[in-house]
Amino acid sequence: MPKHNSEMRLYSTRDERLYLNRSEREMYKKSALRQSEQTRLLCLILFYTGCRISEALNISWSDIQWDEGIIAIRSLKKREKHHVREIPVPPELIKILKSQHRKQSEHSVFQHDRTTGWRRVSETMKTADITGIHATPKGLRHSFAMWCAYNAIPITLCQKWMGHSSIKTTAIYYQVVGKEELELAEKLWG
């Protein structure tokens, strides 16, 4: 039996949060929009797709369905299988992608390695004044799934977008306080 839930958690063994919360997501996005073109693009793809940094760095221009607003992400974790997931992204990101595409002749969207990408995301976190164990590309991935749960995206859709093979892995994110739960709690305070 696979060990999905034993490795997947939202808090470290030291009880440190492993995801960006709502306000940190906003600060990160604002910081990303102020970065250089390639850094901005990488940071926003991670923000809007929840993909792994290695998957983002592997995106080619042919993976983008411009008119539909979709990015096809090839899962690098499931190497034994040909696994591609399509993730819708907002027009704002498509516009930035088009701007970059016009300036490049390369096949790949990004021309740098994982270490450089990781450093660029970390610098964007630092610029946004986000620190701690969650101020990483992985923390951003976790926050995407948390944002899906918070906004009541069906769990099966979140599972697809995240590329999880087991719904049990995705279910961990759905233990968070959603909008409806927060609104009910606010009635208690009022």
Protein backbone atom coordinates (compact mmCIF):
# COMPACT_ATOMS: atom_id res chain seq x y z
CA MET A 1 0.00 0.00 0.00
CA PRO A 2 1.42 3.45 -0.94
CA LYS A 3 2.37 5.81 1.87
CA HIS A 4 0.43 8.90 0.74
CA ASN A 5 -0.67 10.43 4.01
CA SER A 6 2.38 9.48 6.08
CA GLU A 7 4.56 11.91 4.12
CA MET A 8 1.92 14.55 3.37
CA ARG A 9 1.12 17.11 6.04
CA LEU A 10 0.36 20.79 6.45
CA TYR A 11 2.57 21.32 9.51
CA SER A 12 6.13 20.21 10.12
CA THR A 13 7.10 17.89 12.96
CA ARG A 14 7.91 21.11 14.86
CA ASP A 15 4.36 22.41 14.24
CA GLU A 16 5.51 24.98 11.67
CA ARG A 17 3.01 25.80 8.92
CA LEU A 18 4.15 24.45 5.53
CA TYR A 19 1.90 26.58 3.28
CA LEU A 20 1.38 30.25 2.52
CA ASN A 21 -1.82 31.61 4.04
CA ARG A 22 -4.21 33.95 2.24
CA SER A 23 -2.43 37.20 3.10
CA GLU A 24 0.98 35.71 2.27
CA ARG A 25 -0.34 34.58 -1.11
CA GLU A 26 -1.36 38.16 -1.86
CA MET A 27 2.00 39.54 -0.71
CA TYR A 28 3.81 36.94 -2.83
CA LYS A 29 1.78 37.78 -5.92
CA LYS A 30 2.46 41.51 -5.52
CA SER A 31 6.15 40.80 -5.09
CA ALA A 32 6.19 38.50 -8.14
CA LEU A 33 4.65 41.22 -10.30
CA ARG A 34 7.60 43.50 -9.44
CA GLN A 35 10.29 40.99 -10.48
CA SER A 36 12.22 40.67 -13.75
CA GLU A 37 10.31 39.08 -16.64
CA GLN A 38 11.58 35.50 -16.27
CA THR A 39 11.28 35.54 -12.47
CA ARG A 40 7.80 37.06 -12.64
CA LEU A 41 6.71 34.41 -15.13
CA LEU A 42 8.06 31.51 -13.05
CA CYS A 43 6.57 32.86 -9.83
CA LEU A 44 3.15 33.40 -11.39
CA ILE A 45 3.07 29.98 -13.07
CA LEU A 46 3.75 28.38 -9.69
CA PHE A 47 1.16 30.65 -8.05
CA TYR A 48 -1.62 29.89 -10.56
CA THR A 49 -0.96 26.20 -11.29
CA GLY A 50 0.34 24.63 -8.09
CA CYS A 51 2.87 22.67 -10.14
CA ARG A 52 6.25 21.58 -8.86
CA ILE A 53 9.16 23.89 -9.71
CA SER A 54 10.77 21.20 -11.89
CA GLU A 55 7.50 20.86 -13.82
CA ALA A 56 7.28 24.63 -14.35
CA LEU A 57 10.86 24.78 -15.62
CA ASN A 58 10.01 21.97 -18.07
CA ILE A 59 7.16 23.89 -19.76
CA SER A 60 7.63 24.50 -23.48
CA TRP A 61 5.79 27.07 -25.57
CA SER A 62 3.84 24.26 -27.24
CA ASP A 63 2.38 23.33 -23.82
CA ILE A 64 0.35 26.54 -23.77
CA GLN A 65 -3.12 26.62 -25.30
CA TRP A 66 -3.28 30.35 -25.84
CA ASP A 67 -6.95 30.83 -26.76
CA GLU A 68 -8.23 28.43 -24.10
CA GLY A 69 -5.99 29.82 -21.35
CA ILE A 70 -4.57 26.40 -20.42
CA ILE A 71 -1.08 25.21 -19.57
CA ALA A 72 -0.32 21.51 -19.99
CA ILE A 73 1.98 20.30 -17.24
CA ARG A 74 3.97 17.10 -17.73
CA SER A 75 4.31 15.30 -14.42
CA LEU A 76 7.94 14.58 -13.72
CA LYS A 77 7.12 12.61 -10.59
CA LYS A 78 5.33 9.89 -12.57
CA ARG A 79 8.18 9.12 -14.96
CA GLU A 80 7.01 5.57 -15.68
CA LYS A 81 3.76 6.93 -17.11
CA HIS A 82 3.07 9.61 -19.66
CA HIS A 83 1.00 11.90 -17.46
CA VAL A 84 -0.07 15.39 -18.54
CA ARG A 85 -2.52 17.56 -16.67
CA GLU A 86 -4.13 20.66 -18.10
CA ILE A 87 -4.58 23.59 -15.77
CA PRO A 88 -6.59 26.71 -16.61
CA VAL A 89 -4.85 29.99 -15.86
CA PRO A 90 -6.16 33.57 -15.82
CA PRO A 91 -5.91 35.92 -18.82
CA GLU A 92 -3.40 38.01 -16.83
CA LEU A 93 -0.89 35.14 -16.97
CA ILE A 94 -1.59 34.37 -20.64
CA LYS A 95 -0.86 38.04 -21.45
CA ILE A 96 2.51 37.86 -19.65
CA LEU A 97 3.31 34.56 -21.39
CA LYS A 98 2.52 36.08 -24.82
CA SER A 99 4.78 39.02 -24.06
CA GLN A 100 7.66 36.67 -23.22
CA HIS A 101 6.95 34.38 -26.18
CA ARG A 102 7.41 37.24 -28.64
CA LYS A 103 10.87 37.92 -27.21
CA GLN A 104 12.15 34.33 -27.28
CA SER A 105 13.08 31.94 -30.02
CA GLU A 106 13.81 28.98 -27.72
CA HIS A 107 11.53 25.95 -27.44
CA SER A 108 11.41 26.11 -23.62
CA VAL A 109 9.80 28.90 -21.64
CA PHE A 110 12.67 28.89 -19.12
CA GLN A 111 16.39 28.61 -19.80
CA HIS A 112 17.64 28.09 -16.27
CA ASP A 113 18.02 25.15 -13.92
CA ARG A 114 16.09 24.12 -10.81
CA THR A 115 18.58 25.75 -8.42
CA THR A 116 18.30 29.12 -10.16
CA GLY A 117 14.50 28.82 -10.24
CA TRP A 118 14.37 27.91 -6.55
CA ARG A 119 16.60 30.89 -5.71
CA ARG A 120 14.39 33.26 -7.72
CA VAL A 121 11.24 32.09 -5.92
CA SER A 122 13.01 32.36 -2.55
CA GLU A 123 14.13 35.92 -3.35
CA THR A 124 10.55 36.80 -4.31
CA MET A 125 9.36 35.41 -0.97
CA LYS A 126 12.00 37.45 0.84
CA THR A 127 10.99 40.61 -1.06
CA ALA A 128 7.38 39.89 0.01
CA ASP A 129 8.60 39.64 3.63
CA ILE A 130 7.55 35.98 3.84
CA THR A 131 9.92 33.96 5.97
CA GLY A 132 9.95 30.55 7.54
CA ILE A 133 9.84 26.94 6.48
CA HIS A 134 6.88 27.64 4.18
CA ALA A 135 8.64 30.37 2.15
CA THR A 136 9.58 27.92 -0.61
CA PRO A 137 8.25 26.65 -3.94
CA LYS A 138 6.82 23.65 -2.05
CA GLY A 139 5.03 26.03 0.34
CA LEU A 140 3.58 27.75 -2.69
CA ARG A 141 2.40 24.40 -4.08
CA HIS A 142 0.72 23.60 -0.77
CA SER A 143 -0.91 27.03 -0.75
CA PHE A 144 -2.41 26.46 -4.20
CA ALA A 145 -4.17 23.33 -2.98
CA MET A 146 -5.26 25.13 0.19
CA TRP A 147 -6.65 27.95 -1.95
CA CYS A 148 -8.61 25.41 -4.01
CA ALA A 149 -10.08 23.96 -0.81
CA TYR A 150 -10.86 27.39 0.64
CA ASN A 151 -12.71 28.35 -2.54
CA ALA A 152 -14.70 25.09 -2.63
CA ILE A 153 -13.13 23.77 -5.83
CA PRO A 154 -14.30 20.14 -6.11
CA ILE A 155 -11.71 17.85 -4.57
CA THR A 156 -11.45 15.73 -7.72
CA LEU A 157 -10.57 18.82 -9.78
CA CYS A 158 -7.94 19.89 -7.25
CA GLN A 159 -6.57 16.33 -7.33
CA LYS A 160 -6.28 16.54 -11.12
CA TRP A 161 -4.61 19.96 -11.08
CA MET A 162 -2.14 18.89 -8.39
CA GLY A 163 -1.36 15.62 -10.14
CA HIS A 164 -2.07 13.51 -7.06
CA SER A 165 -2.57 9.81 -7.77
CA SER A 166 -4.62 9.37 -4.60
CA ILE A 167 -7.59 11.45 -3.49
CA LYS A 168 -6.39 10.80 0.09
CA THR A 169 -3.42 13.08 -0.55
CA THR A 170 -5.66 15.88 -1.81
CA ALA A 171 -8.10 15.40 1.08
CA ILE A 172 -5.48 16.65 3.53
CA TYR A 173 -5.91 20.15 2.12
CA TYR A 174 -9.68 19.98 2.51
CA GLN A 175 -9.41 19.89 6.29
CA VAL A 176 -8.86 23.65 6.29
CA VAL A 177 -11.34 26.33 7.20
CA GLY A 178 -13.29 27.16 4.04
CA LYS A 179 -15.20 30.32 3.24
CA GLU A 180 -18.52 28.83 4.36
CA GLU A 181 -17.09 27.70 7.69
CA LEU A 182 -15.51 31.11 8.26
CA GLU A 183 -18.80 32.86 7.44
CA LEU A 184 -20.66 30.64 9.95
CA ALA A 185 -18.04 31.38 12.61
CA GLU A 186 -18.39 35.13 11.94
CA LYS A 187 -22.09 34.83 12.84
CA LEU A 188 -21.01 33.69 16.29
CA TRP A 189 -18.87 36.76 16.75
CA GLY A 190 -21.50 39.23 15.53
